[in-house]
Amino acid sequence: MCGIISVVDRARQPMDGSSIKQALALMNERGSGEGAGYAVYGAYPEFADCFALHVFFDNIVETKRALDTLLETWGTVVHEEEIPTYPQPGLKKLHIPWRYFFIPDARLMAGSTCPEADIVTYLVMKANTSLPGVLIFSSGRNIGVFKAAGWPEEVADFYRIQDYEGYIWIAHNRYPTNTPGWWGGAHPFNLLDWSVIHNGEITSYGTNRRYIESFGYQCTMFTDTEVVAYLIDLLQRRHGLDEALAVRALAPPFWDEIDAMPPAEQEVNRLIRLTYGPAMMNGPFAIVVANPEGIVGFTDRVKLRPLVAAEAGDRLYISSEEAAIRTMEAGLDRVYMPAAGEPVIGRVR
């Protein structure tokens, strides 16, 4: 039921958030008013070298000092502030959104091949599991996630999404079924460079969660989509798979399809499936993953959730509905429906 919409400008030309707000609102029948959110890449050019940590505090007086101490132990806070918000009649402000621009001290993670990223990952997991009333929900460089429990228009106006610009936008209108509608459960889900929006249900969540937690990740946000963000970080950042191979691990072909492939392709797909069996996701889903280099959209292996792609000049759009895309761009050069499990990849130049 959820609505997803995404766009990348492959020439890295900035777009403000006004049109994606309208596109997401067009799919309000896919939501329930219990969660919506936006992620923008290129949001903080003045702090591009910092990790932008977006945090929900339950109570500033009681909870913030513990996180300040944790961050000061592992690096330097260059700047911090409450994220500007604007009251909306239908949206109750249950948490205080805050942002830190943070530079980790790489010397504190000696021996790591990606010390800064590993420090930030540790801080996200540590804060979200051991600091009551604290939730770090966005942690990438020059990336901002803005989400809350509400309708797309309310959430967009609450943060004034139109005031932000970036070359990649992804957005989500939530219809929670098996998990509660709350601020942390709204999409997008983010870790470091990776942001994820998802329509559907991951029925293999238990297996996927046990697998990802064996690598040190901790799932705390009460929804199956969180595990997708961590799986992507594991497969692409830590294990070095490209987008296409990562999708093959998460939504691999059926065994009879693999058996019918040419020998070289058959061998690669067999190895991916055998190596990453516990990462394979079952259930109906359509997913878009973003990182600073582009976006990737894909569905489950029988396409039980809709996904449509379209192009207009340098821009690639991926969404649940063509109508939402046409709200952002009426003059499309191409519209197409990817096959089940087939990734749609849009890379920046």
Protein backbone atom coordinates (compact mmCIF):
# COMPACT_ATOMS: atom_id res chain seq x y z
CA MET A 1 0.00 0.00 0.00
CA CYS A 2 2.82 2.47 0.69
CA GLY A 3 3.73 5.11 -1.89
CA ILE A 4 7.33 5.67 -2.96
CA ILE A 5 8.85 8.30 -5.25
CA SER A 6 12.47 9.08 -6.09
CA VAL A 7 14.50 11.14 -8.54
CA VAL A 8 18.17 11.57 -9.38
CA ASP A 9 19.63 14.30 -11.57
CA ARG A 10 22.60 12.56 -13.17
CA ALA A 11 24.25 15.91 -13.88
CA ARG A 12 24.01 16.75 -10.13
CA GLN A 13 21.78 19.75 -10.75
CA PRO A 14 19.95 20.72 -7.56
CA MET A 15 16.17 20.42 -7.14
CA ASP A 16 14.17 21.83 -4.25
CA GLY A 17 11.62 19.74 -2.38
CA SER A 18 8.43 21.38 -3.61
CA SER A 19 7.70 19.03 -6.52
CA ILE A 20 8.42 15.78 -4.68
CA LYS A 21 6.06 16.94 -1.93
CA GLN A 22 3.29 17.25 -4.53
CA ALA A 23 4.15 13.88 -6.08
CA LEU A 24 4.07 12.08 -2.75
CA ALA A 25 0.78 13.74 -1.77
CA LEU A 26 -0.76 12.47 -5.01
CA MET A 27 -0.40 8.95 -3.56
CA ASN A 28 -2.24 9.68 -0.30
CA GLU A 29 -4.51 6.69 -0.89
CA ARG A 30 -1.36 4.61 -0.34
CA GLY A 31 -0.83 6.09 3.12
CA SER A 32 -2.73 6.37 6.38
CA GLY A 33 -1.40 9.62 7.84
CA GLU A 34 0.84 7.67 10.24
CA GLY A 35 4.17 8.31 8.59
CA ALA A 36 5.86 10.16 5.76
CA GLY A 37 9.37 11.33 5.03
CA TYR A 38 11.94 12.69 2.63
CA ALA A 39 15.68 12.25 2.10
CA VAL A 40 17.79 14.71 0.13
CA TYR A 41 21.39 14.34 -1.08
CA GLY A 42 23.38 17.55 -1.31
CA ALA A 43 21.41 19.08 1.56
CA TYR A 44 24.37 20.57 3.47
CA PRO A 45 27.06 21.87 1.09
CA GLU A 46 28.45 24.16 3.81
CA PHE A 47 29.13 21.07 5.98
CA ALA A 48 29.88 18.60 3.20
CA ASP A 49 32.86 17.10 5.02
CA CYS A 50 30.86 16.39 8.17
CA PHE A 51 28.51 13.56 9.02
CA ALA A 52 25.07 15.11 9.48
CA LEU A 53 23.50 13.32 12.44
CA HIS A 54 19.74 13.84 12.65
CA VAL A 55 18.34 12.93 16.03
CA PHE A 56 14.95 12.65 17.69
CA PHE A 57 15.09 13.62 21.36
CA ASP A 58 12.19 12.80 23.66
CA ASN A 59 13.33 15.48 26.08
CA ILE A 60 16.28 17.82 25.53
CA VAL A 61 16.96 18.43 29.21
CA GLU A 62 17.00 14.77 30.19
CA THR A 63 18.53 13.08 27.16
CA LYS A 64 20.77 15.38 25.14
CA ARG A 65 23.75 15.55 27.47
CA ALA A 66 24.36 11.80 27.25
CA LEU A 67 24.60 11.96 23.47
CA ASP A 68 26.82 15.06 23.61
CA THR A 69 29.24 13.16 25.84
CA LEU A 70 29.26 10.14 23.52
CA LEU A 71 29.98 12.28 20.46
CA GLU A 72 32.72 14.26 22.20
CA THR A 73 34.43 10.97 23.07
CA TRP A 74 34.67 9.95 19.42
CA GLY A 75 35.26 13.18 17.52
CA THR A 76 34.32 16.83 17.11
CA VAL A 77 30.94 18.48 16.77
CA VAL A 78 31.51 21.32 14.28
CA HIS A 79 28.00 22.72 14.64
CA GLU A 80 24.67 21.72 16.13
CA GLU A 81 21.16 23.09 16.22
CA GLU A 82 17.53 22.18 16.51
CA ILE A 83 16.20 21.36 13.05
CA PRO A 84 13.81 24.19 12.14
CA THR A 85 10.19 23.06 12.24
CA TYR A 86 6.89 24.83 11.77
CA PRO A 87 3.68 23.86 13.62
CA GLN A 88 1.04 22.01 11.59
CA PRO A 89 -2.59 21.59 12.71
CA GLY A 90 -2.66 17.84 12.06
CA LEU A 91 0.84 16.92 13.20
CA LYS A 92 1.65 16.52 16.88
CA LYS A 93 5.30 17.25 17.69
CA LEU A 94 6.18 14.20 19.79
CA HIS A 95 9.96 14.48 19.46
CA ILE A 96 12.50 17.30 19.11
CA PRO A 97 14.45 17.00 15.83
CA TRP A 98 18.11 18.00 16.24
CA ARG A 99 21.15 17.91 13.99
CA TYR A 100 24.86 17.63 14.65
CA PHE A 101 27.58 18.15 12.07
CA PHE A 102 30.20 15.72 13.29
CA ILE A 103 33.76 14.76 12.30
CA PRO A 104 34.94 11.43 13.77
CA ASP A 105 38.50 11.05 15.03
CA ALA A 106 39.76 8.27 12.75
CA ARG A 107 42.70 7.61 15.10
CA LEU A 108 40.24 6.09 17.59
CA MET A 109 39.41 3.23 15.22
CA ALA A 110 42.94 2.04 14.46
CA GLY A 111 43.10 -0.90 12.08
CA SER A 112 39.75 -0.21 10.42
CA THR A 113 39.70 0.15 6.65
CA CYS A 114 36.87 2.73 6.96
CA PRO A 115 37.47 4.25 10.40
CA GLU A 116 35.17 7.26 10.11
CA ALA A 117 32.25 5.21 8.79
CA ASP A 118 32.81 2.52 11.40
CA ILE A 119 32.84 5.11 14.19
CA VAL A 120 29.59 6.65 13.01
CA THR A 121 27.97 3.22 12.66
CA TYR A 122 29.06 2.39 16.20
CA LEU A 123 27.64 5.68 17.49
CA VAL A 124 24.29 5.10 15.79
CA MET A 125 23.98 1.61 17.25
CA LYS A 126 25.25 2.67 20.67
CA ALA A 127 22.94 5.66 20.98
CA ASN A 128 19.87 3.88 19.67
CA THR A 129 20.27 0.89 21.99
CA SER A 130 21.62 2.41 25.21
CA LEU A 131 20.53 6.06 25.43
CA PRO A 132 16.83 6.25 26.37
CA GLY A 133 14.93 8.97 24.56
CA VAL A 134 17.54 9.26 21.76
CA LEU A 135 17.16 8.06 18.18
CA ILE A 136 19.75 8.83 15.48
CA PHE A 137 17.83 8.35 12.25
CA SER A 138 20.12 9.98 9.67
CA SER A 139 23.91 9.81 9.64
CA GLY A 140 25.43 10.45 6.20
CA ARG A 141 27.64 13.15 4.75
CA ASN A 142 25.70 15.93 3.02
CA ILE A 143 22.48 13.93 3.47
CA GLY A 144 19.35 14.83 5.39
CA VAL A 145 16.38 12.65 6.31
CA PHE A 146 13.22 14.46 7.41
CA LYS A 147 10.34 12.33 8.67
CA ALA A 148 7.49 12.22 11.17
CA ALA A 149 4.11 10.62 11.81
CA GLY A 150 1.74 12.48 9.52
CA TRP A 151 0.57 12.95 5.95
CA PRO A 152 3.14 13.88 3.26
CA GLU A 153 1.97 17.49 3.05
CA GLU A 154 2.06 17.91 6.82
CA VAL A 155 5.54 16.44 7.14
CA ALA A 156 6.83 18.51 4.21
CA ASP A 157 5.40 21.71 5.66
CA PHE A 158 6.57 20.80 9.17
CA TYR A 159 10.19 20.80 7.92
CA ARG A 160 9.65 23.22 5.00
CA ILE A 161 11.06 20.71 2.57
CA GLN A 162 10.90 23.29 -0.22
CA ASP A 163 13.74 25.18 1.50
CA TYR A 164 16.18 22.29 0.92
CA GLU A 165 17.91 21.50 -2.35
CA GLY A 166 19.69 18.41 -3.59
CA TYR A 167 20.44 16.32 -6.67
CA ILE A 168 18.74 13.18 -5.28
CA TRP A 169 15.39 13.00 -3.52
CA ILE A 170 13.53 9.97 -2.21
CA ALA A 171 10.21 10.10 -0.38
CA HIS A 172 7.70 7.73 1.22
CA ASN A 173 4.04 7.75 2.22
CA ARG A 174 3.52 5.08 4.87
CA TYR A 175 0.67 2.65 5.42
CA PRO A 176 1.88 0.64 8.45
CA THR A 177 0.40 -2.82 8.80
CA ASN A 178 2.50 -5.00 11.11
CA THR A 179 4.33 -2.24 12.98
CA PRO A 180 3.21 0.92 14.78
CA GLY A 181 2.92 4.31 13.18
CA TRP A 182 5.53 6.41 14.94
CA TRP A 183 8.23 8.92 14.01
CA GLY A 184 11.13 6.47 14.01
CA GLY A 185 9.16 3.96 11.96
CA ALA A 186 8.51 6.42 9.15
CA HIS A 187 10.64 6.08 6.02
CA PRO A 188 13.28 6.76 4.71
CA PHE A 189 15.62 4.63 6.78
CA ASN A 190 19.23 5.68 6.67
CA LEU A 191 22.68 4.58 7.71
CA LEU A 192 25.73 6.54 6.51
CA ASP A 193 25.44 6.99 2.71
CA TRP A 194 22.47 4.65 2.32
CA SER A 195 18.81 5.65 2.46
CA VAL A 196 15.94 3.24 1.80
CA ILE A 197 12.24 3.53 1.02
CA HIS A 198 10.08 0.42 0.78
CA ASN A 199 6.56 -0.60 -0.15
CA GLY A 200 5.51 -4.05 1.02
CA GLU A 201 6.47 -6.56 3.65
CA ILE A 202 9.68 -8.49 4.30
CA THR A 203 8.37 -11.86 5.47
CA SER A 204 11.95 -13.11 5.95
CA TYR A 205 12.60 -10.31 8.48
CA GLY A 206 13.47 -12.69 11.33
CA THR A 207 16.15 -14.48 9.31
CA ASN A 208 17.45 -11.23 7.82
CA ARG A 209 17.60 -9.57 11.23
CA ARG A 210 19.50 -12.43 12.86
CA TYR A 211 21.95 -12.39 9.95
CA ILE A 212 22.61 -8.66 10.02
CA GLU A 213 22.91 -8.56 13.81
CA SER A 214 25.65 -11.20 13.59
CA PHE A 215 27.74 -8.44 11.95
CA GLY A 216 27.19 -5.99 14.82
CA TYR A 217 24.16 -4.06 13.58
CA GLN A 218 21.25 -3.55 16.00
CA CYS A 219 17.64 -3.18 14.83
CA THR A 220 15.70 -0.82 17.09
CA MET A 221 13.03 0.91 14.98
CA PHE A 222 10.34 -1.82 14.98
CA THR A 223 9.97 -2.23 11.23
CA ASP A 224 11.29 -4.58 8.58
CA THR A 225 12.68 -1.78 6.40
CA GLU A 226 15.40 -0.96 8.90
CA VAL A 227 17.10 -4.27 8.16
CA VAL A 228 17.24 -3.40 4.43
CA ALA A 229 19.33 -0.28 5.11
CA TYR A 230 21.79 -2.31 7.19
CA LEU A 231 21.97 -5.12 4.62
CA ILE A 232 22.81 -2.61 1.90
CA ASP A 233 25.58 -1.11 4.05
CA LEU A 234 26.98 -4.57 4.72
CA LEU A 235 26.87 -5.73 1.11
CA GLN A 236 28.08 -2.58 -0.61
CA ARG A 237 30.29 -0.70 1.85
CA ARG A 238 31.76 -3.54 3.88
CA HIS A 239 31.77 -6.36 1.32
CA GLY A 240 32.30 -4.22 -1.78
CA LEU A 241 29.47 -5.51 -4.00
CA ASP A 242 28.21 -3.19 -6.70
CA GLU A 243 24.53 -2.26 -6.98
CA ALA A 244 23.60 -5.08 -9.35
CA LEU A 245 25.26 -7.79 -7.26
CA ALA A 246 23.76 -6.41 -4.05
CA VAL A 247 20.30 -6.65 -5.61
CA ARG A 248 21.11 -10.21 -6.72
CA ALA A 249 21.91 -11.08 -3.10
CA LEU A 250 18.69 -9.55 -1.76
CA ALA A 251 16.34 -10.66 -4.56
CA PRO A 252 18.13 -13.51 -6.37
CA PRO A 253 16.75 -15.48 -9.32
CA PHE A 254 15.02 -18.79 -8.61
CA TRP A 255 17.22 -21.88 -8.78
CA ASP A 256 15.60 -23.11 -12.01
CA GLU A 257 16.35 -19.72 -13.59
CA ILE A 258 19.97 -19.96 -12.48
CA ASP A 259 20.23 -23.49 -13.90
CA ALA A 260 19.16 -22.16 -17.31
CA MET A 261 21.81 -19.40 -17.43
CA PRO A 262 25.07 -19.55 -19.44
CA PRO A 263 27.86 -21.20 -17.39
CA ALA A 264 29.72 -18.02 -16.35
CA GLU A 265 26.56 -16.20 -15.30
CA GLN A 266 25.29 -19.34 -13.61
CA GLU A 267 28.44 -19.58 -11.49
CA VAL A 268 28.23 -15.97 -10.30
CA ASN A 269 24.57 -16.30 -9.35
CA ARG A 270 25.13 -19.60 -7.57
CA LEU A 271 27.97 -18.13 -5.52
CA ILE A 272 25.95 -15.01 -4.60
CA ARG A 273 22.96 -17.07 -3.54
CA LEU A 274 24.99 -19.58 -1.53
CA THR A 275 27.11 -16.89 0.15
CA TYR A 276 24.26 -14.54 1.01
CA GLY A 277 21.38 -16.96 1.56
CA PRO A 278 20.39 -15.39 4.91
CA ALA A 279 20.30 -11.93 3.28
CA MET A 280 17.74 -13.02 0.68
CA MET A 281 14.45 -11.20 1.25
CA ASN A 282 11.09 -12.90 0.80
CA GLY A 283 7.67 -11.34 0.59
CA PRO A 284 6.09 -8.64 -1.56
CA PHE A 285 8.25 -5.54 -1.89
CA ALA A 286 9.33 -2.64 -4.04
CA ILE A 287 12.44 -0.83 -2.81
CA VAL A 288 14.49 2.21 -3.76
CA VAL A 289 17.98 2.65 -2.33
CA ALA A 290 19.90 5.92 -2.61
CA ASN A 291 23.53 6.80 -2.03
CA PRO A 292 25.57 9.83 -3.15
CA GLU A 293 26.31 8.15 -6.49
CA GLY A 294 22.70 7.51 -7.52
CA ILE A 295 19.54 5.49 -6.94
CA VAL A 296 18.59 1.83 -7.45
CA GLY A 297 15.04 0.47 -7.60
CA PHE A 298 14.00 -3.20 -7.56
CA THR A 299 11.11 -5.48 -6.63
CA ASP A 300 10.70 -8.96 -5.24
CA ARG A 301 11.27 -11.90 -7.57
CA VAL A 302 7.64 -12.10 -8.76
CA LYS A 303 6.86 -8.36 -8.55
CA LEU A 304 4.05 -8.40 -6.02
CA ARG A 305 4.38 -4.63 -5.59
CA PRO A 306 4.34 -2.06 -8.41
CA LEU A 307 7.37 -0.14 -9.61
CA VAL A 308 7.62 2.19 -12.60
CA ALA A 309 10.64 4.08 -13.96
CA ALA A 310 10.81 7.10 -16.24
CA GLU A 311 13.45 9.37 -17.74
CA ALA A 312 13.48 13.01 -18.76
CA GLY A 313 16.83 14.38 -19.88
CA ASP A 314 19.34 13.84 -17.09
CA ARG A 315 16.69 12.82 -14.58
CA LEU A 316 15.64 9.30 -13.67
CA TYR A 317 12.45 8.77 -11.68
CA ILE A 318 11.36 5.60 -9.85
CA SER A 319 7.96 5.40 -8.19
CA SER A 320 4.95 3.32 -7.27
CA GLU A 321 2.86 5.22 -9.83
CA GLU A 322 3.45 6.90 -13.17
CA ALA A 323 0.98 9.63 -12.18
CA ALA A 324 3.24 10.69 -9.31
CA ILE A 325 6.20 10.98 -11.67
CA ARG A 326 4.18 13.08 -14.11
CA THR A 327 3.38 15.46 -11.26
CA MET A 328 7.12 16.21 -11.13
CA GLU A 329 7.83 16.00 -14.89
CA ALA A 330 5.05 16.14 -17.49
CA GLY A 331 7.32 15.77 -20.53
CA LEU A 332 8.87 12.35 -20.04
CA ASP A 333 11.21 10.87 -22.65
CA ARG A 334 10.62 7.27 -21.60
CA VAL A 335 8.40 5.30 -19.21
CA TYR A 336 8.98 1.61 -18.49
CA MET A 337 8.18 -1.16 -16.02
CA PRO A 338 11.21 -3.13 -14.80
CA ALA A 339 10.86 -6.89 -14.68
CA ALA A 340 10.62 -8.71 -11.35
CA GLY A 341 13.93 -8.56 -9.49
CA GLU A 342 15.53 -6.46 -12.25
CA PRO A 343 17.33 -3.39 -10.88
CA VAL A 344 16.84 0.06 -12.31
CA ILE A 345 20.10 1.94 -11.74
CA GLY A 346 20.64 5.66 -12.14
CA ARG A 347 24.21 6.85 -11.50
CA VAL A 348 25.37 10.44 -11.37
CA ARG A 349 28.18 11.59 -13.64
